[in-house]
Amino acid sequence: LTYKDLLWKSRFVNIPVFSKEQIHFVSDAKSNDSIL
């Protein structure tokens, strides 16, 4: 299973943009060095 997954992922370029980011309504939402 790992072999097939690594082989598949090597066939294309993956650009991660957001990973499990919380999108919610709060008054004190703060940015950091990577996510505004």
ModelCIF file with pLDDT and N, C-alpha, C, O atoms, coordinates in Angstrom:
data_MODEL
#
_entry.id   MODEL 
#
_entity.id                         1 
_entity.type                       polymer 
_entity.pdbx_number_of_molecules   1 
#
_entity_poly.entity_id                      1 
_entity_poly.type                           'polypeptide(L)' 
_entity_poly.nstd_linkage                   no 
_entity_poly.nstd_monomer                   no 
_entity_poly.pdbx_seq_one_letter_code       LTYKDLLWKSRFVNIPVFSKEQIHFVSDAKSNDSIL 
_entity_poly.pdbx_seq_one_letter_code_can   LTYKDLLWKSRFVNIPVFSKEQIHFVSDAKSNDSIL 
_entity_poly.pdbx_strand_id                 A 
#
loop_
_entity_poly_seq.entity_id 
_entity_poly_seq.num 
_entity_poly_seq.mon_id 
_entity_poly_seq.hetero 
1 1  LEU n 
1 2  THR n 
1 3  TYR n 
1 4  LYS n 
1 5  ASP n 
1 6  LEU n 
1 7  LEU n 
1 8  TRP n 
1 9  LYS n 
1 10 SER n 
1 11 ARG n 
1 12 PHE n 
1 13 VAL n 
1 14 ASN n 
1 15 ILE n 
1 16 PRO n 
1 17 VAL n 
1 18 PHE n 
1 19 SER n 
1 20 LYS n 
1 21 GLU n 
1 22 GLN n 
1 23 ILE n 
1 24 HIS n 
1 25 PHE n 
1 26 VAL n 
1 27 SER n 
1 28 ASP n 
1 29 ALA n 
1 30 LYS n 
1 31 SER n 
1 32 ASN n 
1 33 ASP n 
1 34 SER n 
1 35 ILE n 
1 36 LEU n 
#
_struct_asym.id          A 
_struct_asym.entity_id   1 
#
loop_
_ma_qa_metric.id 
_ma_qa_metric.mode 
_ma_qa_metric.name 
_ma_qa_metric.software_group_id 
_ma_qa_metric.type 
1 global pLDDT . pLDDT 
2 local  pLDDT . pLDDT 
#
_ma_qa_metric_global.metric_id      1 
_ma_qa_metric_global.metric_value   95.81 
_ma_qa_metric_global.model_id       1 
_ma_qa_metric_global.ordinal_id     1 
#
loop_
_ma_qa_metric_local.label_asym_id 
_ma_qa_metric_local.label_comp_id 
_ma_qa_metric_local.label_seq_id 
_ma_qa_metric_local.metric_id 
_ma_qa_metric_local.metric_value 
_ma_qa_metric_local.model_id 
_ma_qa_metric_local.ordinal_id 
A LEU 1  2 97.00 1 1  
A THR 2  2 97.00 1 2  
A TYR 3  2 96.00 1 3  
A LYS 4  2 96.00 1 4  
A ASP 5  2 96.00 1 5  
A LEU 6  2 95.00 1 6  
A LEU 7  2 95.00 1 7  
A TRP 8  2 94.00 1 8  
A LYS 9  2 94.00 1 9  
A SER 10 2 94.00 1 10 
A ARG 11 2 93.00 1 11 
A PHE 12 2 95.00 1 12 
A VAL 13 2 96.00 1 13 
A ASN 14 2 97.00 1 14 
A ILE 15 2 98.00 1 15 
A PRO 16 2 98.00 1 16 
A VAL 17 2 98.00 1 17 
A PHE 18 2 98.00 1 18 
A SER 19 2 98.00 1 19 
A LYS 20 2 98.00 1 20 
A GLU 21 2 98.00 1 21 
A GLN 22 2 98.00 1 22 
A ILE 23 2 98.00 1 23 
A HIS 24 2 98.00 1 24 
A PHE 25 2 98.00 1 25 
A VAL 26 2 97.00 1 26 
A SER 27 2 94.00 1 27 
A ASP 28 2 93.00 1 28 
A ALA 29 2 94.00 1 29 
A LYS 30 2 93.00 1 30 
A SER 31 2 95.00 1 31 
A ASN 32 2 92.00 1 32 
A ASP 33 2 89.00 1 33 
A SER 34 2 94.00 1 34 
A ILE 35 2 97.00 1 35 
A LEU 36 2 98.00 1 36 
#
loop_
_atom_site.group_PDB 
_atom_site.id 
_atom_site.type_symbol 
_atom_site.label_atom_id 
_atom_site.label_alt_id 
_atom_site.label_comp_id 
_atom_site.label_asym_id 
_atom_site.label_entity_id 
_atom_site.label_seq_id 
_atom_site.pdbx_PDB_ins_code 
_atom_site.Cartn_x 
_atom_site.Cartn_y 
_atom_site.Cartn_z 
_atom_site.occupancy 
_atom_site.B_iso_or_equiv 
_atom_site.pdbx_formal_charge 
_atom_site.auth_seq_id 
_atom_site.auth_comp_id 
_atom_site.auth_asym_id 
_atom_site.auth_atom_id 
_atom_site.pdbx_PDB_model_num 
ATOM 1   N N  . LEU A 1 1  ? 0.830   -1.202 0.000   1.00 97.00 ? 1  LEU A N  1 
ATOM 2   C CA . LEU A 1 1  ? 0.000   0.000  0.000   1.00 97.00 ? 1  LEU A CA 1 
ATOM 3   C C  . LEU A 1 1  ? 0.865   1.253  0.000   1.00 97.00 ? 1  LEU A C  1 
ATOM 4   O O  . LEU A 1 1  ? 0.572   2.215  -0.711  1.00 97.00 ? 1  LEU A O  1 
ATOM 5   N N  . THR A 1 2  ? 1.930   1.243  0.796   1.00 97.00 ? 2  THR A N  1 
ATOM 6   C CA . THR A 1 2  ? 2.852   2.382  0.820   1.00 97.00 ? 2  THR A CA 1 
ATOM 7   C C  . THR A 1 2  ? 3.549   2.532  -0.523  1.00 97.00 ? 2  THR A C  1 
ATOM 8   O O  . THR A 1 2  ? 3.731   3.650  -1.006  1.00 97.00 ? 2  THR A O  1 
ATOM 9   N N  . TYR A 1 3  ? 3.937   1.424  -1.126  1.00 96.00 ? 3  TYR A N  1 
ATOM 10  C CA . TYR A 1 3  ? 4.583   1.442  -2.445  1.00 96.00 ? 3  TYR A CA 1 
ATOM 11  C C  . TYR A 1 3  ? 3.681   2.127  -3.474  1.00 96.00 ? 3  TYR A C  1 
ATOM 12  O O  . TYR A 1 3  ? 4.122   3.015  -4.203  1.00 96.00 ? 3  TYR A O  1 
ATOM 13  N N  . LYS A 1 4  ? 2.422   1.707  -3.525  1.00 96.00 ? 4  LYS A N  1 
ATOM 14  C CA . LYS A 1 4  ? 1.494   2.279  -4.501  1.00 96.00 ? 4  LYS A CA 1 
ATOM 15  C C  . LYS A 1 4  ? 1.274   3.767  -4.245  1.00 96.00 ? 4  LYS A C  1 
ATOM 16  O O  . LYS A 1 4  ? 1.170   4.557  -5.183  1.00 96.00 ? 4  LYS A O  1 
ATOM 17  N N  . ASP A 1 5  ? 1.205   4.142  -2.968  1.00 96.00 ? 5  ASP A N  1 
ATOM 18  C CA . ASP A 1 5  ? 0.981   5.540  -2.622  1.00 96.00 ? 5  ASP A CA 1 
ATOM 19  C C  . ASP A 1 5  ? 2.180   6.397  -3.007  1.00 96.00 ? 5  ASP A C  1 
ATOM 20  O O  . ASP A 1 5  ? 2.014   7.468  -3.591  1.00 96.00 ? 5  ASP A O  1 
ATOM 21  N N  . LEU A 1 6  ? 3.389   5.934  -2.686  1.00 95.00 ? 6  LEU A N  1 
ATOM 22  C CA . LEU A 1 6  ? 4.587   6.698  -3.028  1.00 95.00 ? 6  LEU A CA 1 
ATOM 23  C C  . LEU A 1 6  ? 4.769   6.800  -4.538  1.00 95.00 ? 6  LEU A C  1 
ATOM 24  O O  . LEU A 1 6  ? 5.183   7.840  -5.050  1.00 95.00 ? 6  LEU A O  1 
ATOM 25  N N  . LEU A 1 7  ? 4.458   5.723  -5.245  1.00 95.00 ? 7  LEU A N  1 
ATOM 26  C CA . LEU A 1 7  ? 4.579   5.732  -6.702  1.00 95.00 ? 7  LEU A CA 1 
ATOM 27  C C  . LEU A 1 7  ? 3.584   6.717  -7.316  1.00 95.00 ? 7  LEU A C  1 
ATOM 28  O O  . LEU A 1 7  ? 3.926   7.483  -8.217  1.00 95.00 ? 7  LEU A O  1 
ATOM 29  N N  . TRP A 1 8  ? 2.345   6.683  -6.813  1.00 94.00 ? 8  TRP A N  1 
ATOM 30  C CA . TRP A 1 8  ? 1.306   7.593  -7.316  1.00 94.00 ? 8  TRP A CA 1 
ATOM 31  C C  . TRP A 1 8  ? 1.694   9.046  -7.068  1.00 94.00 ? 8  TRP A C  1 
ATOM 32  O O  . TRP A 1 8  ? 1.589   9.881  -7.966  1.00 94.00 ? 8  TRP A O  1 
ATOM 33  N N  . LYS A 1 9  ? 2.139   9.349  -5.857  1.00 94.00 ? 9  LYS A N  1 
ATOM 34  C CA . LYS A 1 9  ? 2.467   10.735 -5.517  1.00 94.00 ? 9  LYS A CA 1 
ATOM 35  C C  . LYS A 1 9  ? 3.668   11.247 -6.304  1.00 94.00 ? 9  LYS A C  1 
ATOM 36  O O  . LYS A 1 9  ? 3.807   12.453 -6.506  1.00 94.00 ? 9  LYS A O  1 
ATOM 37  N N  . SER A 1 10 ? 4.523   10.356 -6.745  1.00 94.00 ? 10 SER A N  1 
ATOM 38  C CA . SER A 1 10 ? 5.695   10.790 -7.502  1.00 94.00 ? 10 SER A CA 1 
ATOM 39  C C  . SER A 1 10 ? 5.362   11.172 -8.938  1.00 94.00 ? 10 SER A C  1 
ATOM 40  O O  . SER A 1 10 ? 6.209   11.712 -9.651  1.00 94.00 ? 10 SER A O  1 
ATOM 41  N N  . ARG A 1 11 ? 4.141   10.897 -9.362  1.00 93.00 ? 11 ARG A N  1 
ATOM 42  C CA . ARG A 1 11 ? 3.757   11.144 -10.753 1.00 93.00 ? 11 ARG A CA 1 
ATOM 43  C C  . ARG A 1 11 ? 3.279   12.582 -10.986 1.00 93.00 ? 11 ARG A C  1 
ATOM 44  O O  . ARG A 1 11 ? 3.057   12.977 -12.130 1.00 93.00 ? 11 ARG A O  1 
ATOM 45  N N  . PHE A 1 12 ? 3.119   13.362 -9.923  1.00 95.00 ? 12 PHE A N  1 
ATOM 46  C CA . PHE A 1 12 ? 2.625   14.727 -10.088 1.00 95.00 ? 12 PHE A CA 1 
ATOM 47  C C  . PHE A 1 12 ? 3.231   15.620 -9.018  1.00 95.00 ? 12 PHE A C  1 
ATOM 48  O O  . PHE A 1 12 ? 3.837   15.138 -8.061  1.00 95.00 ? 12 PHE A O  1 
ATOM 49  N N  . VAL A 1 13 ? 3.062   16.922 -9.189  1.00 96.00 ? 13 VAL A N  1 
ATOM 50  C CA . VAL A 1 13 ? 3.541   17.908 -8.215  1.00 96.00 ? 13 VAL A CA 1 
ATOM 51  C C  . VAL A 1 13 ? 2.368   18.279 -7.315  1.00 96.00 ? 13 VAL A C  1 
ATOM 52  O O  . VAL A 1 13 ? 1.301   18.655 -7.800  1.00 96.00 ? 13 VAL A O  1 
ATOM 53  N N  . ASN A 1 14 ? 2.568   18.173 -6.014  1.00 97.00 ? 14 ASN A N  1 
ATOM 54  C CA . ASN A 1 14 ? 1.536   18.547 -5.060  1.00 97.00 ? 14 ASN A CA 1 
ATOM 55  C C  . ASN A 1 14 ? 1.981   19.802 -4.309  1.00 97.00 ? 14 ASN A C  1 
ATOM 56  O O  . ASN A 1 14 ? 3.069   19.837 -3.734  1.00 97.00 ? 14 ASN A O  1 
ATOM 57  N N  . ILE A 1 15 ? 1.140   20.820 -4.321  1.00 98.00 ? 15 ILE A N  1 
ATOM 58  C CA . ILE A 1 15 ? 1.436   22.069 -3.623  1.00 98.00 ? 15 ILE A CA 1 
ATOM 59  C C  . ILE A 1 15 ? 0.440   22.223 -2.484  1.00 98.00 ? 15 ILE A C  1 
ATOM 60  O O  . ILE A 1 15 ? -0.715  22.579 -2.716  1.00 98.00 ? 15 ILE A O  1 
ATOM 61  N N  . PRO A 1 16 ? 0.877   21.958 -1.248  1.00 98.00 ? 16 PRO A N  1 
ATOM 62  C CA . PRO A 1 16 ? -0.035  22.141 -0.115  1.00 98.00 ? 16 PRO A CA 1 
ATOM 63  C C  . PRO A 1 16 ? -0.219  23.622 0.181   1.00 98.00 ? 16 PRO A C  1 
ATOM 64  O O  . PRO A 1 16 ? 0.756   24.362 0.317   1.00 98.00 ? 16 PRO A O  1 
ATOM 65  N N  . VAL A 1 17 ? -1.465  24.048 0.280   1.00 98.00 ? 17 VAL A N  1 
ATOM 66  C CA . VAL A 1 17 ? -1.771  25.459 0.549   1.00 98.00 ? 17 VAL A CA 1 
ATOM 67  C C  . VAL A 1 17 ? -2.265  25.623 1.984   1.00 98.00 ? 17 VAL A C  1 
ATOM 68  O O  . VAL A 1 17 ? -1.698  26.401 2.752   1.00 98.00 ? 17 VAL A O  1 
ATOM 69  N N  . PHE A 1 18 ? -3.319  24.892 2.348   1.00 98.00 ? 18 PHE A N  1 
ATOM 70  C CA . PHE A 1 18 ? -3.844  24.916 3.712   1.00 98.00 ? 18 PHE A CA 1 
ATOM 71  C C  . PHE A 1 18 ? -3.995  23.484 4.208   1.00 98.00 ? 18 PHE A C  1 
ATOM 72  O O  . PHE A 1 18 ? -4.348  22.593 3.436   1.00 98.00 ? 18 PHE A O  1 
ATOM 73  N N  . SER A 1 19 ? -3.729  23.259 5.486   1.00 98.00 ? 19 SER A N  1 
ATOM 74  C CA . SER A 1 19 ? -3.872  21.932 6.074   1.00 98.00 ? 19 SER A CA 1 
ATOM 75  C C  . SER A 1 19 ? -4.705  22.024 7.351   1.00 98.00 ? 19 SER A C  1 
ATOM 76  O O  . SER A 1 19 ? -4.232  22.499 8.384   1.00 98.00 ? 19 SER A O  1 
ATOM 77  N N  . LYS A 1 20 ? -5.952  21.561 7.261   1.00 98.00 ? 20 LYS A N  1 
ATOM 78  C CA . LYS A 1 20 ? -6.879  21.519 8.394   1.00 98.00 ? 20 LYS A CA 1 
ATOM 79  C C  . LYS A 1 20 ? -6.938  22.854 9.129   1.00 98.00 ? 20 LYS A C  1 
ATOM 80  O O  . LYS A 1 20 ? -6.931  22.910 10.359  1.00 98.00 ? 20 LYS A O  1 
ATOM 81  N N  . GLU A 1 21 ? -6.997  23.932 8.340   1.00 98.00 ? 21 GLU A N  1 
ATOM 82  C CA . GLU A 1 21 ? -7.087  25.266 8.929   1.00 98.00 ? 21 GLU A CA 1 
ATOM 83  C C  . GLU A 1 21 ? -8.519  25.548 9.389   1.00 98.00 ? 21 GLU A C  1 
ATOM 84  O O  . GLU A 1 21 ? -9.484  25.202 8.707   1.00 98.00 ? 21 GLU A O  1 
ATOM 85  N N  . GLN A 1 22 ? -8.636  26.172 10.540  1.00 98.00 ? 22 GLN A N  1 
ATOM 86  C CA . GLN A 1 22 ? -9.955  26.520 11.062  1.00 98.00 ? 22 GLN A CA 1 
ATOM 87  C C  . GLN A 1 22 ? -10.424 27.820 10.430  1.00 98.00 ? 22 GLN A C  1 
ATOM 88  O O  . GLN A 1 22 ? -9.720  28.829 10.455  1.00 98.00 ? 22 GLN A O  1 
ATOM 89  N N  . ILE A 1 23 ? -11.619 27.781 9.866   1.00 98.00 ? 23 ILE A N  1 
ATOM 90  C CA . ILE A 1 23 ? -12.239 28.967 9.278   1.00 98.00 ? 23 ILE A CA 1 
ATOM 91  C C  . ILE A 1 23 ? -13.506 29.206 10.084  1.00 98.00 ? 23 ILE A C  1 
ATOM 92  O O  . ILE A 1 23 ? -14.498 28.492 9.935   1.00 98.00 ? 23 ILE A O  1 
ATOM 93  N N  . HIS A 1 24 ? -13.459 30.221 10.939  1.00 98.00 ? 24 HIS A N  1 
ATOM 94  C CA . HIS A 1 24 ? -14.534 30.416 11.916  1.00 98.00 ? 24 HIS A CA 1 
ATOM 95  C C  . HIS A 1 24 ? -14.718 31.897 12.186  1.00 98.00 ? 24 HIS A C  1 
ATOM 96  O O  . HIS A 1 24 ? -13.997 32.733 11.641  1.00 98.00 ? 24 HIS A O  1 
ATOM 97  N N  . PHE A 1 25 ? -15.688 32.215 13.033  1.00 98.00 ? 25 PHE A N  1 
ATOM 98  C CA . PHE A 1 25 ? -16.024 33.611 13.325  1.00 98.00 ? 25 PHE A CA 1 
ATOM 99  C C  . PHE A 1 25 ? -15.633 33.918 14.765  1.00 98.00 ? 25 PHE A C  1 
ATOM 100 O O  . PHE A 1 25 ? -16.324 33.531 15.707  1.00 98.00 ? 25 PHE A O  1 
ATOM 101 N N  . VAL A 1 26 ? -14.510 34.621 14.919  1.00 97.00 ? 26 VAL A N  1 
ATOM 102 C CA . VAL A 1 26 ? -14.036 35.037 16.241  1.00 97.00 ? 26 VAL A CA 1 
ATOM 103 C C  . VAL A 1 26 ? -13.472 36.450 16.117  1.00 97.00 ? 26 VAL A C  1 
ATOM 104 O O  . VAL A 1 26 ? -12.954 36.828 15.067  1.00 97.00 ? 26 VAL A O  1 
ATOM 105 N N  . SER A 1 27 ? -13.574 37.211 17.175  1.00 94.00 ? 27 SER A N  1 
ATOM 106 C CA . SER A 1 27 ? -13.150 38.611 17.105  1.00 94.00 ? 27 SER A CA 1 
ATOM 107 C C  . SER A 1 27 ? -11.639 38.767 17.104  1.00 94.00 ? 27 SER A C  1 
ATOM 108 O O  . SER A 1 27 ? -11.119 39.781 16.640  1.00 94.00 ? 27 SER A O  1 
ATOM 109 N N  . ASP A 1 28 ? -10.929 37.767 17.622  1.00 93.00 ? 28 ASP A N  1 
ATOM 110 C CA . ASP A 1 28 ? -9.482  37.908 17.777  1.00 93.00 ? 28 ASP A CA 1 
ATOM 111 C C  . ASP A 1 28 ? -8.689  36.981 16.855  1.00 93.00 ? 28 ASP A C  1 
ATOM 112 O O  . ASP A 1 28 ? -7.620  36.502 17.233  1.00 93.00 ? 28 ASP A O  1 
ATOM 113 N N  . ALA A 1 29 ? -9.204  36.723 15.643  1.00 94.00 ? 29 ALA A N  1 
ATOM 114 C CA . ALA A 1 29 ? -8.479  35.867 14.699  1.00 94.00 ? 29 ALA A CA 1 
ATOM 115 C C  . ALA A 1 29 ? -7.127  36.483 14.373  1.00 94.00 ? 29 ALA A C  1 
ATOM 116 O O  . ALA A 1 29 ? -7.045  37.645 13.974  1.00 94.00 ? 29 ALA A O  1 
ATOM 117 N N  . LYS A 1 30 ? -6.067  35.700 14.543  1.00 93.00 ? 30 LYS A N  1 
ATOM 118 C CA . LYS A 1 30 ? -4.716  36.232 14.385  1.00 93.00 ? 30 LYS A CA 1 
ATOM 119 C C  . LYS A 1 30 ? -3.991  35.564 13.219  1.00 93.00 ? 30 LYS A C  1 
ATOM 120 O O  . LYS A 1 30 ? -4.119  34.360 12.996  1.00 93.00 ? 30 LYS A O  1 
ATOM 121 N N  . SER A 1 31 ? -3.235  36.364 12.490  1.00 95.00 ? 31 SER A N  1 
ATOM 122 C CA . SER A 1 31 ? -2.387  35.854 11.417  1.00 95.00 ? 31 SER A CA 1 
ATOM 123 C C  . SER A 1 31 ? -1.075  35.353 12.006  1.00 95.00 ? 31 SER A C  1 
ATOM 124 O O  . SER A 1 31 ? -0.730  35.666 13.145  1.00 95.00 ? 31 SER A O  1 
ATOM 125 N N  . ASN A 1 32 ? -0.345  34.564 11.207  1.00 92.00 ? 32 ASN A N  1 
ATOM 126 C CA . ASN A 1 32 ? 1.015   34.180 11.583  1.00 92.00 ? 32 ASN A CA 1 
ATOM 127 C C  . ASN A 1 32 ? 1.923   34.361 10.377  1.00 92.00 ? 32 ASN A C  1 
ATOM 128 O O  . ASN A 1 32 ? 1.545   35.015 9.405   1.00 92.00 ? 32 ASN A O  1 
ATOM 129 N N  . ASP A 1 33 ? 3.115   33.786 10.436  1.00 89.00 ? 33 ASP A N  1 
ATOM 130 C CA . ASP A 1 33 ? 4.085   34.018 9.363   1.00 89.00 ? 33 ASP A CA 1 
ATOM 131 C C  . ASP A 1 33 ? 3.655   33.449 8.022   1.00 89.00 ? 33 ASP A C  1 
ATOM 132 O O  . ASP A 1 33 ? 4.130   33.901 6.980   1.00 89.00 ? 33 ASP A O  1 
ATOM 133 N N  . SER A 1 34 ? 2.752   32.451 8.030   1.00 94.00 ? 34 SER A N  1 
ATOM 134 C CA . SER A 1 34 ? 2.373   31.821 6.762   1.00 94.00 ? 34 SER A CA 1 
ATOM 135 C C  . SER A 1 34 ? 0.910   32.013 6.403   1.00 94.00 ? 34 SER A C  1 
ATOM 136 O O  . SER A 1 34 ? 0.582   32.119 5.221   1.00 94.00 ? 34 SER A O  1 
ATOM 137 N N  . ILE A 1 35 ? 0.014   32.060 7.395   1.00 97.00 ? 35 ILE A N  1 
ATOM 138 C CA . ILE A 1 35 ? -1.420  32.172 7.134   1.00 97.00 ? 35 ILE A CA 1 
ATOM 139 C C  . ILE A 1 35 ? -1.924  33.527 7.589   1.00 97.00 ? 35 ILE A C  1 
ATOM 140 O O  . ILE A 1 35 ? -1.800  33.874 8.763   1.00 97.00 ? 35 ILE A O  1 
ATOM 141 N N  . LEU A 1 36 ? -2.493  34.295 6.669   1.00 98.00 ? 36 LEU A N  1 
ATOM 142 C CA . LEU A 1 36 ? -3.125  35.573 6.994   1.00 98.00 ? 36 LEU A CA 1 
ATOM 143 C C  . LEU A 1 36 ? -4.611  35.332 7.221   1.00 98.00 ? 36 LEU A C  1 
ATOM 144 O O  . LEU A 1 36 ? -5.352  36.272 7.509   1.00 98.00 ? 36 LEU A O  1 
#
